[in-house]
Amino acid sequence: MQKNSYRSILYFIAFVILVTLSIQVYWNLKNYEASKQQLINEVQISLDNAVDQYYTELAEKNTIGFSSDSSNIGSFLKKSSFSNLLKKIDSGTVDFKSYTFSEGLDHSDIKIYRGLSVDSIDRMDQHPNFCIDSSKIIEFPDGLEEIENGDSRKKAFEQLTSKIIISINEDSLQLEVLDTIINNQLKRKQLTISYGITFQDQTGTSFLFNENVINQSDLKTKTKSYYLPRGSSLELSFMNTTRTILKKNLFGIALSFLLVSAVIGCLLYLLNIINRQKQLAELKNDLISNITHEFKTPIATISVALEGIQNFNRENDPEKTKKYIDMSSNQLGKLNTMVEKILETATLDSEELELNLEEVNLVDLTQTITNRHQTNTTEKNISFHHTHENIWKKVDAFHFENAINNIIDNAIKYGGNNIDIYLKNTHPNITLEIKDNGTSLIRSQKDKIFEKFYRVPKGNTHDVKGFGIGLFYTKTIIEKHEGTIELLLDQDQTNFKITLPNG
């Protein structure tokens, strides 16, 4: 994959992730604001209902309702005779039907409806300045005046007296009682908020309930109820709105989070696949380049040897002929080895490789491997250390030897001048460590070193031979023996540690 194409895909994926996050954040913020406004509206409705309920319950105790078609009703209300009439009726000393009105009213002109008692009127009547405040009279709707039938008028008026028609003595609010009603209204709507109440009467005096909440509140709303005394106001301050809103929108937030996570996860997975394909393409090109170089050298050597045999007098110079033949055989052997490694890798991938396990003395096997490499390598010092004379283990001698050879080959190619091999029988495991004092490997290569076709980056050079399949082969063989292999890097040492189960 071209570098520019990969970069374009990377930018596109980053852009899609950014847009997805932005859309979800915007959607959640808009949803939060809408839910916040909905919460305010629900609190407003709960407050208005609570105030209405408060005055409804109050009306059942100290509110008097009446209806009259007479023009003299105003004079009757403004005189204390209305209060006296109620007191006499309640005490049983006078019958309403036998009462004589001094204002020119007739019994048929007035119909009186009231709550449970008129005790509050009795108490108010004890005040010397008691009178009916006509400013508190709430006039009936026009529709009521148009009702001709008496029974219908009575029924309609009785419905109205469930609200406040005339408020006699309640210019203030009992905030504790109102708090209970508000709390019940909020529970009906499943709203859990902390709130405080501020009531300001007609004189401008403020009464507070839950003052701490009022001082810390972030939202406020005023009642729109028509039943408050004129000139007064009631305000509800509340907090903990964020928690309540998030609780109500938990499903939407979770769904949004899952959607964003799924989109980002898919895009990152796609990016990982693309990156992996890019790496495989680079490995393929590197492998082809290395195979071409590795095959080209022995082929060229064989071609030169054959040309020498053809051009020189091979019958009269058998020694030179033998030299060319040996050279060709040696190069053919190298070609065969390289082909076998590639075929072995294909076999490992298909998991068709079966081990031929047999009891092998690992001390003798490792000693043989060490001696062979020391003989072929005069520039390196290879030493073998073991704690026991005999360490027996069921292994496939052929593949196990090749696996160890690959590690030592890498130590010779990449490592320092001193290579030490340690074999220990540490129950319940057997450990084999191959250490060298080279520092050509770095920690970023630690996890990649066992990957197929991975080679330590050297640029476009061929000073180090190989296809990058040796350590992959070693790791696979060790794992098929139910063992593990790991690379341990110190500041001045590289250590390949093999651990096999003892048994």
Protein backbone atom coordinates (compact mmCIF):
# COMPACT_ATOMS: atom_id res chain seq x y z
CA MET A 1 0.00 0.00 0.00
CA GLN A 2 1.34 3.40 -0.94
CA LYS A 3 2.31 5.71 1.87
CA ASN A 4 0.00 8.52 0.72
CA SER A 5 -2.98 6.17 0.45
CA TYR A 6 -2.41 4.83 3.95
CA ARG A 7 -2.10 8.37 5.31
CA SER A 8 -5.34 9.39 3.58
CA ILE A 9 -7.18 6.43 5.11
CA LEU A 10 -5.74 7.30 8.51
CA TYR A 11 -6.93 10.91 8.22
CA PHE A 12 -10.36 9.78 7.03
CA ILE A 13 -10.81 7.39 9.97
CA ALA A 14 -9.69 10.09 12.40
CA PHE A 15 -12.18 12.51 10.79
CA VAL A 16 -15.05 10.02 11.04
CA ILE A 17 -14.27 9.34 14.70
CA LEU A 18 -14.15 13.08 15.42
CA VAL A 19 -17.45 13.71 13.61
CA THR A 20 -19.11 10.77 15.39
CA LEU A 21 -17.98 12.04 18.78
CA SER A 22 -19.07 15.61 17.95
CA ILE A 23 -22.54 14.50 16.81
CA GLN A 24 -23.08 12.37 19.90
CA VAL A 25 -21.86 15.12 22.24
CA TYR A 26 -24.13 17.66 20.50
CA TRP A 27 -27.08 15.26 20.61
CA ASN A 28 -26.57 14.52 24.30
CA LEU A 29 -26.23 18.22 25.14
CA LYS A 30 -29.43 19.04 23.26
CA ASN A 31 -31.18 16.14 24.93
CA TYR A 32 -29.88 17.35 28.30
CA GLU A 33 -31.22 20.87 27.69
CA ALA A 34 -34.58 19.49 26.55
CA SER A 35 -34.77 17.24 29.61
CA LYS A 36 -33.79 20.17 31.81
CA GLN A 37 -36.62 22.28 30.41
CA GLN A 38 -39.00 19.35 30.81
CA LEU A 39 -37.91 19.02 34.43
CA ILE A 40 -38.54 22.71 35.02
CA ASN A 41 -42.01 22.38 33.47
CA GLU A 42 -42.80 19.34 35.60
CA VAL A 43 -41.63 21.15 38.74
CA GLN A 44 -43.73 24.16 37.69
CA ILE A 45 -46.81 21.98 37.26
CA SER A 46 -46.14 20.23 40.58
CA LEU A 47 -45.78 23.59 42.33
CA ASP A 48 -48.98 24.99 40.82
CA ASN A 49 -50.90 21.83 41.67
CA ALA A 50 -49.54 21.93 45.21
CA VAL A 51 -50.62 25.55 45.70
CA ASP A 52 -54.06 24.78 44.27
CA GLN A 53 -54.37 21.75 46.54
CA TYR A 54 -53.22 23.80 49.54
CA TYR A 55 -55.92 26.41 49.01
CA THR A 56 -58.49 23.75 48.15
CA GLU A 57 -57.93 22.08 51.50
CA LEU A 58 -57.95 25.50 53.12
CA ALA A 59 -61.23 26.33 51.42
CA GLU A 60 -62.90 23.32 53.01
CA LYS A 61 -62.26 24.85 56.45
CA ASN A 62 -62.47 28.63 56.29
CA THR A 63 -63.88 29.66 52.92
CA ILE A 64 -67.44 30.67 52.26
CA GLY A 65 -69.09 30.55 48.89
CA PHE A 66 -72.33 32.23 47.92
CA SER A 67 -74.36 33.20 44.88
CA SER A 68 -76.84 36.00 44.42
CA ASP A 69 -78.62 37.83 41.63
CA SER A 70 -79.41 40.86 43.80
CA SER A 71 -77.70 44.22 43.27
CA ASN A 72 -77.69 44.74 47.06
CA ILE A 73 -75.23 41.93 47.74
CA GLY A 74 -72.25 44.30 47.85
CA SER A 75 -73.75 46.27 50.75
CA PHE A 76 -74.60 43.03 52.54
CA LEU A 77 -71.00 41.76 52.30
CA LYS A 78 -69.45 44.95 53.57
CA LYS A 79 -71.51 44.91 56.74
CA SER A 80 -70.92 42.70 59.72
CA SER A 81 -74.49 41.40 59.38
CA PHE A 82 -73.14 38.68 57.04
CA SER A 83 -70.82 37.43 59.78
CA ASN A 84 -73.56 37.68 62.39
CA LEU A 85 -75.87 35.65 60.19
CA LEU A 86 -73.32 32.86 59.88
CA LYS A 87 -72.71 32.78 63.62
CA LYS A 88 -76.41 32.57 64.36
CA ILE A 89 -76.94 29.83 61.81
CA ASP A 90 -74.06 27.77 63.24
CA SER A 91 -75.24 28.24 66.82
CA GLY A 92 -78.76 27.15 65.86
CA THR A 93 -80.37 30.30 67.28
CA VAL A 94 -81.81 31.39 63.98
CA ASP A 95 -83.05 29.66 60.87
CA PHE A 96 -81.76 31.00 57.61
CA LYS A 97 -85.21 30.87 56.02
CA SER A 98 -86.74 32.97 58.83
CA TYR A 99 -83.93 35.54 58.85
CA THR A 100 -84.92 39.06 57.81
CA PHE A 101 -82.42 40.90 55.61
CA SER A 102 -82.16 44.64 56.25
CA GLU A 103 -80.50 45.26 52.88
CA GLY A 104 -83.62 44.42 50.92
CA LEU A 105 -82.48 40.94 50.06
CA ASP A 106 -84.77 37.96 49.81
CA HIS A 107 -84.03 34.35 50.76
CA SER A 108 -84.33 33.34 47.16
CA ASP A 109 -81.64 35.86 46.24
CA ILE A 110 -78.86 34.22 48.31
CA LYS A 111 -77.58 30.68 48.41
CA ILE A 112 -74.77 29.99 50.91
CA TYR A 113 -72.27 27.13 50.50
CA ARG A 114 -69.32 26.54 52.78
CA GLY A 115 -66.72 24.09 53.97
CA LEU A 116 -66.63 21.98 57.09
CA SER A 117 -67.05 24.83 59.56
CA VAL A 118 -66.92 28.58 60.03
CA ASP A 119 -64.71 28.52 63.11
CA SER A 120 -62.21 30.80 61.48
CA ILE A 121 -64.94 33.37 60.93
CA ASP A 122 -65.82 33.20 64.60
CA ARG A 123 -62.22 33.90 65.47
CA MET A 124 -61.95 36.75 62.99
CA ASP A 125 -65.17 38.22 64.27
CA GLN A 126 -63.54 38.66 67.64
CA HIS A 127 -61.29 41.29 66.10
CA PRO A 128 -62.75 44.76 66.33
CA ASN A 129 -61.87 45.62 62.74
CA PHE A 130 -63.37 42.47 61.26
CA CYS A 131 -65.03 42.90 57.91
CA ILE A 132 -65.29 41.08 54.63
CA ASP A 133 -62.52 42.21 52.29
CA SER A 134 -64.24 42.71 48.97
CA SER A 135 -60.85 42.79 47.21
CA LYS A 136 -60.58 39.06 47.92
CA ILE A 137 -63.83 38.24 46.20
CA ILE A 138 -63.24 36.17 43.10
CA GLU A 139 -66.03 36.82 40.66
CA PHE A 140 -67.77 33.89 39.01
CA PRO A 141 -67.31 33.15 35.33
CA ASP A 142 -69.85 34.64 32.95
CA GLY A 143 -71.01 31.19 32.04
CA LEU A 144 -72.35 30.69 35.55
CA GLU A 145 -74.56 33.76 35.34
CA GLU A 146 -76.14 32.39 32.20
CA ILE A 147 -77.37 29.22 33.95
CA GLU A 148 -81.18 29.49 34.28
CA ASN A 149 -81.95 26.27 36.12
CA GLY A 150 -81.57 26.57 39.88
CA ASP A 151 -80.32 23.03 40.42
CA SER A 152 -77.76 23.43 37.68
CA ARG A 153 -76.61 26.69 39.21
CA LYS A 154 -76.26 25.07 42.61
CA LYS A 155 -74.30 22.13 41.21
CA ALA A 156 -71.96 24.39 39.23
CA PHE A 157 -71.40 26.65 42.20
CA GLU A 158 -70.67 23.77 44.53
CA GLN A 159 -67.98 22.68 42.08
CA LEU A 160 -66.49 26.16 42.21
CA THR A 161 -66.41 26.15 45.99
CA SER A 162 -63.85 23.38 45.81
CA LYS A 163 -61.61 26.31 44.88
CA ILE A 164 -61.38 29.58 46.75
CA ILE A 165 -64.28 31.90 46.25
CA ILE A 166 -63.83 34.22 49.20
CA SER A 167 -60.73 34.04 51.39
CA ILE A 168 -61.56 35.38 54.84
CA ASN A 169 -58.40 35.25 56.92
CA GLU A 170 -55.46 33.61 55.10
CA ASP A 171 -52.97 36.22 53.95
CA SER A 172 -49.96 34.01 54.81
CA LEU A 173 -48.93 30.44 54.04
CA GLN A 174 -48.05 27.55 56.30
CA LEU A 175 -44.86 26.54 54.49
CA GLU A 176 -44.52 23.23 56.35
CA VAL A 177 -47.95 22.14 55.15
CA LEU A 178 -47.21 23.34 51.63
CA ASP A 179 -43.87 21.46 51.70
CA THR A 180 -45.67 18.18 52.37
CA ILE A 181 -48.03 18.77 49.46
CA ILE A 182 -45.19 19.75 47.10
CA ASN A 183 -43.23 16.66 48.11
CA ASN A 184 -46.20 14.43 47.31
CA GLN A 185 -46.69 16.13 43.95
CA LEU A 186 -43.01 15.58 43.06
CA LYS A 187 -43.19 11.93 44.10
CA ARG A 188 -46.11 11.39 41.73
CA LYS A 189 -43.86 12.52 38.89
CA GLN A 190 -40.93 10.49 40.27
CA LEU A 191 -38.80 13.61 40.72
CA THR A 192 -36.05 13.48 43.32
CA ILE A 193 -34.76 17.00 43.93
CA SER A 194 -33.81 19.13 46.90
CA TYR A 195 -35.82 22.34 47.08
CA GLY A 196 -36.53 25.38 49.19
CA ILE A 197 -39.58 27.67 49.34
CA THR A 198 -39.63 31.47 49.40
CA PHE A 199 -42.96 33.20 50.15
CA GLN A 200 -43.30 36.98 50.02
CA ASP A 201 -46.51 38.44 51.42
CA GLN A 202 -48.33 41.66 50.51
CA THR A 203 -46.11 43.73 52.79
CA GLY A 204 -42.89 42.49 51.16
CA THR A 205 -41.90 40.27 54.08
CA SER A 206 -40.15 37.06 52.97
CA PHE A 207 -40.58 33.67 54.62
CA LEU A 208 -38.00 30.97 53.80
CA PHE A 209 -38.18 27.20 54.01
CA ASN A 210 -34.92 25.18 53.57
CA GLU A 211 -32.77 28.29 53.33
CA ASN A 212 -29.57 26.29 52.67
CA VAL A 213 -31.06 24.84 49.50
CA ILE A 214 -32.26 28.28 48.42
CA ASN A 215 -28.73 29.69 48.71
CA GLN A 216 -27.20 26.82 46.72
CA SER A 217 -29.94 26.29 44.16
CA ASP A 218 -29.26 26.65 40.44
CA LEU A 219 -32.87 26.78 39.22
CA LYS A 220 -35.94 28.69 40.39
CA THR A 221 -39.58 28.86 39.35
CA LYS A 222 -42.57 30.89 40.55
CA THR A 223 -46.07 29.58 40.93
CA LYS A 224 -48.65 30.68 38.38
CA SER A 225 -51.58 29.82 40.63
CA TYR A 226 -54.36 32.45 40.76
CA TYR A 227 -55.19 31.62 44.34
CA LEU A 228 -52.31 33.42 46.03
CA PRO A 229 -53.28 36.62 47.85
CA ARG A 230 -52.88 39.68 45.69
CA GLY A 231 -49.43 41.25 45.90
CA SER A 232 -47.77 38.07 47.19
CA SER A 233 -45.47 35.60 45.42
CA LEU A 234 -44.27 32.03 45.95
CA GLU A 235 -40.96 30.79 44.53
CA LEU A 236 -39.50 27.26 44.51
CA SER A 237 -35.69 26.95 44.38
CA PHE A 238 -34.32 23.49 43.58
CA MET A 239 -31.03 21.68 42.99
CA ASN A 240 -29.65 18.18 42.18
CA THR A 241 -31.13 18.64 38.72
CA THR A 242 -28.16 17.13 36.89
CA ARG A 243 -28.43 13.82 38.72
CA THR A 244 -32.18 13.68 38.13
CA ILE A 245 -31.82 14.49 34.43
CA LEU A 246 -29.04 11.94 33.92
CA LYS A 247 -31.10 9.32 35.72
CA LYS A 248 -34.08 9.93 33.44
CA ASN A 249 -31.86 9.86 30.33
CA LEU A 250 -29.69 6.93 31.40
CA PHE A 251 -30.93 4.68 28.59
CA GLY A 252 -30.27 7.29 25.91
CA ILE A 253 -26.81 8.04 27.26
CA ALA A 254 -25.94 4.33 27.45
CA LEU A 255 -27.22 3.79 23.90
CA SER A 256 -25.18 6.75 22.66
CA PHE A 257 -22.08 5.44 24.43
CA LEU A 258 -22.54 1.98 22.92
CA LEU A 259 -23.04 3.46 19.45
CA VAL A 260 -19.92 5.62 19.70
CA SER A 261 -17.91 2.72 21.11
CA ALA A 262 -19.10 0.42 18.32
CA VAL A 263 -18.26 2.93 15.59
CA ILE A 264 -14.86 3.78 17.05
CA GLY A 265 -14.13 0.10 17.71
CA CYS A 266 -14.99 -0.86 14.12
CA LEU A 267 -12.90 1.97 12.71
CA LEU A 268 -9.93 1.12 14.91
CA TYR A 269 -10.30 -2.54 13.98
CA LEU A 270 -10.37 -1.55 10.32
CA LEU A 271 -7.30 0.62 10.86
CA ASN A 272 -5.55 -2.30 12.55
CA ILE A 273 -6.36 -4.56 9.60
CA ILE A 274 -5.12 -1.96 7.15
CA ASN A 275 -1.96 -1.47 9.18
CA ARG A 276 -1.47 -5.22 9.35
CA GLN A 277 -1.92 -5.51 5.60
CA LYS A 278 0.58 -2.72 5.13
CA GLN A 279 3.10 -4.54 7.32
CA LEU A 280 2.48 -7.81 5.48
CA ALA A 281 3.02 -6.05 2.16
CA GLU A 282 6.29 -4.63 3.45
CA LEU A 283 7.30 -8.05 4.79
CA LYS A 284 6.41 -9.65 1.47
CA ASN A 285 8.52 -7.17 -0.46
CA ASP A 286 11.37 -7.60 2.02
CA LEU A 287 11.08 -11.39 1.82
CA ILE A 288 11.09 -11.39 -1.96
CA SER A 289 14.12 -9.12 -1.95
CA ASN A 290 15.95 -11.34 0.55
CA ILE A 291 15.01 -14.59 -1.21
CA THR A 292 16.18 -13.12 -4.50
CA HIS A 293 19.47 -12.14 -2.95
CA GLU A 294 19.92 -15.40 -1.03
CA PHE A 295 19.11 -17.52 -4.08
CA LYS A 296 21.10 -15.37 -6.46
CA THR A 297 24.44 -15.93 -4.73
CA PRO A 298 24.47 -19.77 -4.80
CA ILE A 299 22.99 -19.83 -8.29
CA ALA A 300 25.70 -17.47 -9.53
CA THR A 301 28.37 -19.57 -7.77
CA ILE A 302 27.07 -22.78 -9.36
CA SER A 303 26.96 -21.10 -12.76
CA VAL A 304 30.58 -19.99 -12.43
CA ALA A 305 31.66 -23.50 -11.36
CA LEU A 306 29.87 -25.13 -14.27
CA GLU A 307 31.35 -22.60 -16.66
CA GLY A 308 34.81 -23.41 -15.28
CA ILE A 309 34.29 -27.12 -15.78
CA GLN A 310 33.15 -26.53 -19.35
CA ASN A 311 35.91 -24.11 -20.32
CA PHE A 312 38.90 -25.79 -18.67
CA ASN A 313 40.43 -29.17 -19.48
CA ARG A 314 38.55 -31.22 -16.89
CA GLU A 315 40.16 -34.51 -18.02
CA ASN A 316 43.71 -33.26 -17.41
CA ASP A 317 42.90 -31.32 -14.23
CA PRO A 318 40.73 -33.60 -12.08
CA GLU A 319 41.60 -31.69 -8.90
CA LYS A 320 40.17 -28.44 -10.22
CA THR A 321 37.16 -30.29 -11.57
CA LYS A 322 36.54 -31.79 -8.12
CA LYS A 323 36.86 -28.33 -6.58
CA TYR A 324 34.18 -26.92 -8.88
CA ILE A 325 31.91 -29.90 -8.28
CA ASP A 326 32.28 -29.59 -4.49
CA MET A 327 31.56 -25.87 -4.75
CA SER A 328 28.40 -26.56 -6.74
CA SER A 329 27.29 -29.28 -4.32
CA ASN A 330 27.82 -26.95 -1.36
CA GLN A 331 25.74 -24.19 -2.95
CA LEU A 332 23.01 -26.65 -3.93
CA GLY A 333 22.92 -27.77 -0.30
CA LYS A 334 22.39 -24.15 0.77
CA LEU A 335 19.59 -23.77 -1.76
CA ASN A 336 17.99 -26.96 -0.50
CA THR A 337 18.22 -25.72 3.11
CA MET A 338 16.55 -22.41 2.24
CA VAL A 339 13.76 -24.16 0.34
CA GLU A 340 13.21 -26.52 3.29
CA LYS A 341 12.91 -23.57 5.69
CA ILE A 342 10.26 -21.96 3.54
CA LEU A 343 8.37 -25.27 3.23
CA GLU A 344 8.66 -25.83 7.00
CA THR A 345 7.09 -22.44 7.59
CA ALA A 346 4.17 -23.35 5.34
CA THR A 347 3.81 -26.64 7.24
CA LEU A 348 3.77 -24.81 10.59
CA ASP A 349 1.05 -22.48 9.36
CA SER A 350 -1.15 -25.36 8.29
CA GLU A 351 -0.57 -27.14 11.63
CA GLU A 352 0.21 -30.38 9.80
CA LEU A 353 3.56 -30.83 11.53
CA GLU A 354 3.65 -33.87 13.80
CA LEU A 355 6.47 -34.38 16.27
CA ASN A 356 8.32 -37.66 16.58
CA LEU A 357 8.92 -37.67 20.33
CA GLU A 358 11.67 -39.80 21.86
CA GLU A 359 13.76 -39.78 25.02
CA VAL A 360 16.77 -37.55 24.41
CA ASN A 361 19.59 -36.51 26.70
CA LEU A 362 19.44 -32.74 26.36
CA VAL A 363 22.94 -32.35 27.77
CA ASP A 364 24.47 -34.44 24.98
CA LEU A 365 22.28 -32.83 22.31
CA THR A 366 23.13 -29.29 23.42
CA GLN A 367 26.82 -30.14 23.73
CA THR A 368 26.85 -31.47 20.15
CA ILE A 369 25.16 -28.31 18.86
CA THR A 370 27.62 -26.11 20.76
CA ASN A 371 30.67 -27.96 19.45
CA ARG A 372 29.47 -27.75 15.85
CA HIS A 373 28.89 -24.01 16.00
CA GLN A 374 32.18 -23.41 17.78
CA THR A 375 33.99 -25.34 15.04
CA ASN A 376 32.32 -23.32 12.29
CA THR A 377 32.72 -19.97 14.05
CA THR A 378 36.23 -18.94 15.03
CA GLU A 379 35.34 -15.30 15.73
CA LYS A 380 32.89 -16.12 18.53
CA ASN A 381 33.46 -17.79 21.87
CA ILE A 382 30.65 -20.26 22.59
CA SER A 383 30.46 -21.92 26.02
CA PHE A 384 28.06 -24.55 27.37
CA HIS A 385 27.19 -24.77 31.09
CA HIS A 386 25.02 -27.45 32.71
CA THR A 387 24.20 -28.49 36.27
CA HIS A 388 23.57 -32.20 35.62
CA GLU A 389 25.35 -34.83 33.57
CA ASN A 390 22.09 -36.18 32.20
CA ILE A 391 18.80 -34.38 31.63
CA TRP A 392 16.31 -36.58 29.82
CA LYS A 393 13.28 -35.23 28.02
CA LYS A 394 10.90 -36.49 25.33
CA VAL A 395 11.50 -34.26 22.32
CA ASP A 396 11.63 -34.40 18.54
CA ALA A 397 15.41 -34.38 18.20
CA PHE A 398 15.42 -33.09 14.62
CA HIS A 399 13.08 -30.12 15.12
CA PHE A 400 14.37 -29.33 18.62
CA GLU A 401 17.94 -29.20 17.33
CA ASN A 402 16.89 -26.90 14.47
CA ALA A 403 15.11 -24.64 16.96
CA ILE A 404 18.26 -24.30 19.10
CA ASN A 405 20.38 -23.82 15.98
CA ASN A 406 18.25 -20.86 14.93
CA ILE A 407 18.80 -19.07 18.25
CA ILE A 408 22.56 -19.67 18.18
CA ASP A 409 22.69 -18.56 14.53
CA ASN A 410 21.01 -15.30 15.51
CA ALA A 411 23.45 -14.84 18.39
CA ILE A 412 26.35 -15.34 15.99
CA LYS A 413 24.89 -12.93 13.40
CA TYR A 414 23.54 -10.22 15.69
CA GLY A 415 25.11 -10.78 19.12
CA GLY A 416 28.40 -10.08 20.82
CA ASN A 417 31.62 -12.07 20.89
CA ASN A 418 30.72 -14.22 23.92
CA ILE A 419 27.82 -16.67 23.74
CA ASP A 420 26.91 -18.68 26.85
CA ILE A 421 24.44 -21.57 26.90
CA TYR A 422 22.96 -22.68 30.25
CA LEU A 423 20.95 -25.89 30.74
CA LYS A 424 19.31 -26.41 34.15
CA ASN A 425 16.95 -28.97 35.63
CA THR A 426 14.85 -26.87 38.01
CA HIS A 427 11.89 -29.00 39.03
CA PRO A 428 9.22 -28.90 37.78
CA ASN A 429 10.79 -27.28 34.69
CA ILE A 430 13.84 -27.52 32.48
CA THR A 431 15.34 -24.20 31.42
CA LEU A 432 17.67 -23.53 28.52
CA GLU A 433 19.14 -20.04 28.24
CA ILE A 434 21.24 -18.71 25.37
CA LYS A 435 22.93 -15.45 26.32
CA ASP A 436 25.27 -13.12 24.48
CA ASN A 437 26.78 -9.75 25.27
CA GLY A 438 25.36 -8.08 22.17
CA THR A 439 22.96 -5.13 22.27
CA SER A 440 21.64 -5.09 18.70
CA LEU A 441 18.03 -5.71 19.82
CA ILE A 442 15.88 -3.04 21.45
CA ARG A 443 12.76 -3.36 23.61
CA SER A 444 10.41 -2.20 20.85
CA GLN A 445 11.47 -5.30 18.85
CA LYS A 446 10.95 -7.67 21.77
CA ASP A 447 7.38 -8.70 20.90
CA LYS A 448 7.94 -8.71 17.14
CA ILE A 449 11.09 -10.84 17.06
CA PHE A 450 9.08 -14.10 17.01
CA GLU A 451 6.72 -12.99 14.22
CA LYS A 452 6.89 -14.70 10.87
CA PHE A 453 9.09 -12.94 8.29
CA TYR A 454 10.14 -10.29 10.79
CA ARG A 455 13.73 -9.16 10.41
CA VAL A 456 15.58 -6.57 12.43
CA PRO A 457 15.44 -3.39 10.32
CA LYS A 458 18.74 -2.74 8.56
CA GLY A 459 17.49 -0.64 5.68
CA ASN A 460 17.76 -1.92 2.14
CA THR A 461 20.97 -3.86 2.81
CA HIS A 462 21.86 -7.53 2.83
CA ASP A 463 24.81 -7.67 5.21
CA VAL A 464 22.81 -10.10 7.38
CA LYS A 465 21.37 -13.19 5.69
CA GLY A 466 17.97 -14.75 6.46
CA PHE A 467 14.26 -14.67 5.71
CA GLY A 468 12.93 -13.75 9.15
CA ILE A 469 11.39 -17.18 9.78
CA GLY A 470 14.01 -18.77 12.07
CA LEU A 471 12.70 -17.50 15.41
CA PHE A 472 9.09 -17.98 14.30
CA TYR A 473 9.97 -21.62 13.60
CA THR A 474 11.74 -21.90 16.98
CA LYS A 475 8.78 -20.46 18.91
CA THR A 476 6.35 -22.80 17.16
CA ILE A 477 8.48 -25.90 17.84
CA ILE A 478 8.96 -24.99 21.51
CA GLU A 479 5.22 -24.43 21.94
CA LYS A 480 4.50 -27.80 20.30
CA HIS A 481 6.71 -29.27 23.05
CA GLU A 482 4.35 -27.51 25.55
CA GLY A 483 7.10 -25.06 26.43
CA THR A 484 7.59 -21.30 26.26
CA ILE A 485 10.28 -19.01 24.91
CA GLU A 486 10.87 -15.41 25.86
CA LEU A 487 13.39 -12.71 25.10
CA LEU A 488 14.98 -10.98 28.09
CA LEU A 489 16.89 -7.77 27.39
CA ASP A 490 19.33 -6.20 29.80
CA GLN A 491 21.55 -3.19 29.28
CA ASP A 492 24.50 -5.27 28.07
CA GLN A 493 23.01 -8.71 27.45
CA THR A 494 20.49 -10.53 25.24
CA ASN A 495 18.92 -13.67 26.70
CA PHE A 496 16.63 -16.19 24.97
CA LYS A 497 15.05 -18.31 27.72
CA ILE A 498 13.31 -21.62 26.91
CA THR A 499 11.19 -23.31 29.58
CA LEU A 500 10.04 -26.92 29.15
CA PRO A 501 7.92 -29.04 31.50
CA ASN A 502 10.00 -31.67 33.27
CA GLY A 503 8.42 -34.96 32.38
